[in-house]
Amino acid sequence: MRLDDALFNWLQIKLVAAGRPGDRAAEDTVAFFEQILTEDHGLESFEIQTVDDTMVHVAYTKDGKRKTQLYDREAAEQLLADINANPKYNE
């Protein structure tokens, strides 16, 4: 999995976990992607830095260098919207 894809997947599920406190499956999936980011891609840290009207800024550190990746906010929040719109996940 490419770093960009792993970061985006982590971002989506991180937003799901934040929007659904107590969702154990979301929490476990966050941990899974965090493991991929640290073990497979060698990231030392990563976090949602800023959310503005159109973009989500994800900051990460690799090899001692701090970088920022931008993601479309609507795309990043789509998984949470889809889960919340599905009655079987909201019982």
C-alpha atoms as a PDB file:
ATOM      1  CA  MET A   1       0.000   0.000   0.000  1.00  0.00           C
ATOM      2  CA  ARG A   2       1.379   3.402  -0.958  1.00  0.00           C
ATOM      3  CA  LEU A   3       2.039   5.925   1.805  1.00  0.00           C
ATOM      4  CA  ASP A   4      -0.543   8.346   0.410  1.00  0.00           C
ATOM      5  CA  ASP A   5      -3.227   5.627   0.419  1.00  0.00           C
ATOM      6  CA  ALA A   6      -2.321   4.456   3.929  1.00  0.00           C
ATOM      7  CA  LEU A   7      -2.480   8.035   5.250  1.00  0.00           C
ATOM      8  CA  PHE A   8      -5.854   8.623   3.603  1.00  0.00           C
ATOM      9  CA  ASN A   9      -7.273   5.353   4.963  1.00  0.00           C
ATOM     10  CA  TRP A  10      -5.960   6.232   8.434  1.00  0.00           C
ATOM     11  CA  LEU A  11      -7.503   9.706   8.140  1.00  0.00           C
ATOM     12  CA  GLN A  12     -10.917   8.357   7.147  1.00  0.00           C
ATOM     13  CA  ILE A  13     -11.090   5.818   9.954  1.00  0.00           C
ATOM     14  CA  LYS A  14      -9.647   8.326  12.452  1.00  0.00           C
ATOM     15  CA  LEU A  15     -12.555  10.644  11.608  1.00  0.00           C
ATOM     16  CA  VAL A  16     -14.980   7.725  12.012  1.00  0.00           C
ATOM     17  CA  ALA A  17     -13.539   6.856  15.432  1.00  0.00           C
ATOM     18  CA  ALA A  18     -13.739  10.508  16.522  1.00  0.00           C
ATOM     19  CA  GLY A  19     -17.321  10.805  15.282  1.00  0.00           C
ATOM     20  CA  ARG A  20     -18.447   7.524  16.857  1.00  0.00           C
ATOM     21  CA  PRO A  21     -16.988   7.289  20.371  1.00  0.00           C
ATOM     22  CA  GLY A  22     -17.095   3.741  21.651  1.00  0.00           C
ATOM     23  CA  ASP A  23     -17.024   2.167  18.162  1.00  0.00           C
ATOM     24  CA  ARG A  24     -14.559  -0.617  18.916  1.00  0.00           C
ATOM     25  CA  ALA A  25     -14.238  -1.703  15.279  1.00  0.00           C
ATOM     26  CA  ALA A  26     -13.242   1.829  14.274  1.00  0.00           C
ATOM     27  CA  GLU A  27     -10.711   2.037  17.111  1.00  0.00           C
ATOM     28  CA  ASP A  28      -9.187  -1.318  16.105  1.00  0.00           C
ATOM     29  CA  THR A  29      -8.974  -0.200  12.485  1.00  0.00           C
ATOM     30  CA  VAL A  30      -7.237   3.040  13.497  1.00  0.00           C
ATOM     31  CA  ALA A  31      -4.644   0.933  15.340  1.00  0.00           C
ATOM     32  CA  PHE A  32      -4.221  -1.281  12.254  1.00  0.00           C
ATOM     33  CA  PHE A  33      -3.472   1.693   9.994  1.00  0.00           C
ATOM     34  CA  GLU A  34      -1.202   3.243  12.608  1.00  0.00           C
ATOM     35  CA  GLN A  35       0.799   0.018  12.571  1.00  0.00           C
ATOM     36  CA  ILE A  36       1.057   0.157   8.763  1.00  0.00           C
ATOM     37  CA  LEU A  37       2.192   3.784   8.889  1.00  0.00           C
ATOM     38  CA  THR A  38       4.868   3.157  11.504  1.00  0.00           C
ATOM     39  CA  GLU A  39       6.105  -0.305  10.521  1.00  0.00           C
ATOM     40  CA  ASP A  40       5.707  -0.331   6.735  1.00  0.00           C
ATOM     41  CA  HIS A  41       6.320   3.346   5.996  1.00  0.00           C
ATOM     42  CA  GLY A  42       8.595   4.325   8.873  1.00  0.00           C
ATOM     43  CA  LEU A  43       6.571   7.300  10.046  1.00  0.00           C
ATOM     44  CA  GLU A  44       7.703   8.632  13.390  1.00  0.00           C
ATOM     45  CA  SER A  45       4.527  10.644  14.001  1.00  0.00           C
ATOM     46  CA  PHE A  46       1.337  11.630  12.183  1.00  0.00           C
ATOM     47  CA  GLU A  47      -1.657  13.749  13.100  1.00  0.00           C
ATOM     48  CA  ILE A  48      -4.545  15.737  11.756  1.00  0.00           C
ATOM     49  CA  GLN A  49      -3.029  19.197  11.830  1.00  0.00           C
ATOM     50  CA  THR A  50      -5.778  21.438  10.474  1.00  0.00           C
ATOM     51  CA  VAL A  51      -9.279  21.107   9.043  1.00  0.00           C
ATOM     52  CA  ASP A  52     -10.489  24.026   6.958  1.00  0.00           C
ATOM     53  CA  ASP A  53     -13.513  24.531   4.706  1.00  0.00           C
ATOM     54  CA  THR A  54     -12.184  22.346   1.885  1.00  0.00           C
ATOM     55  CA  MET A  55      -9.083  20.456   3.038  1.00  0.00           C
ATOM     56  CA  VAL A  56      -7.750  18.297   5.848  1.00  0.00           C
ATOM     57  CA  HIS A  57      -4.041  18.796   6.533  1.00  0.00           C
ATOM     58  CA  VAL A  58      -2.240  15.695   7.817  1.00  0.00           C
ATOM     59  CA  ALA A  59       1.235  16.339   9.221  1.00  0.00           C
ATOM     60  CA  TYR A  60       3.738  13.523   9.541  1.00  0.00           C
ATOM     61  CA  THR A  61       7.408  13.001  10.297  1.00  0.00           C
ATOM     62  CA  LYS A  62       9.598  10.559   8.392  1.00  0.00           C
ATOM     63  CA  ASP A  63      13.376  10.333   8.651  1.00  0.00           C
ATOM     64  CA  GLY A  64      13.313  13.384  10.906  1.00  0.00           C
ATOM     65  CA  LYS A  65      11.619  15.524   8.249  1.00  0.00           C
ATOM     66  CA  ARG A  66       8.198  17.049   8.879  1.00  0.00           C
ATOM     67  CA  LYS A  67       5.807  17.015   5.916  1.00  0.00           C
ATOM     68  CA  THR A  68       2.170  17.882   5.327  1.00  0.00           C
ATOM     69  CA  GLN A  69      -0.242  16.064   3.028  1.00  0.00           C
ATOM     70  CA  LEU A  70      -3.544  17.673   2.019  1.00  0.00           C
ATOM     71  CA  TYR A  71      -6.762  15.724   1.467  1.00  0.00           C
ATOM     72  CA  ASP A  72     -10.129  16.849   0.201  1.00  0.00           C
ATOM     73  CA  ARG A  73     -12.334  17.306   3.273  1.00  0.00           C
ATOM     74  CA  GLU A  74     -15.479  15.934   1.651  1.00  0.00           C
ATOM     75  CA  ALA A  75     -13.664  12.767   0.536  1.00  0.00           C
ATOM     76  CA  ALA A  76     -12.062  12.344   3.973  1.00  0.00           C
ATOM     77  CA  GLU A  77     -15.429  12.627   5.734  1.00  0.00           C
ATOM     78  CA  GLN A  78     -17.337  10.407   3.280  1.00  0.00           C
ATOM     79  CA  LEU A  79     -16.822   7.128   5.163  1.00  0.00           C
ATOM     80  CA  LEU A  80     -18.257   8.613   8.363  1.00  0.00           C
ATOM     81  CA  ALA A  81     -21.217  10.042   6.421  1.00  0.00           C
ATOM     82  CA  ASP A  82     -21.853   6.656   4.775  1.00  0.00           C
ATOM     83  CA  ILE A  83     -21.727   4.803   8.103  1.00  0.00           C
ATOM     84  CA  ASN A  84     -24.005   7.320   9.815  1.00  0.00           C
ATOM     85  CA  ALA A  85     -26.482   7.107   6.927  1.00  0.00           C
ATOM     86  CA  ASN A  86     -26.774   3.314   7.216  1.00  0.00           C
ATOM     87  CA  PRO A  87     -29.378   2.324   9.845  1.00  0.00           C
ATOM     88  CA  LYS A  88     -27.789  -1.075  10.489  1.00  0.00           C
ATOM     89  CA  TYR A  89     -24.707   0.662  11.957  1.00  0.00           C
ATOM     90  CA  ASN A  90     -26.761   2.991  14.145  1.00  0.00           C
ATOM     91  CA  GLU A  91     -28.873   0.602  16.173  1.00  0.00           C
END
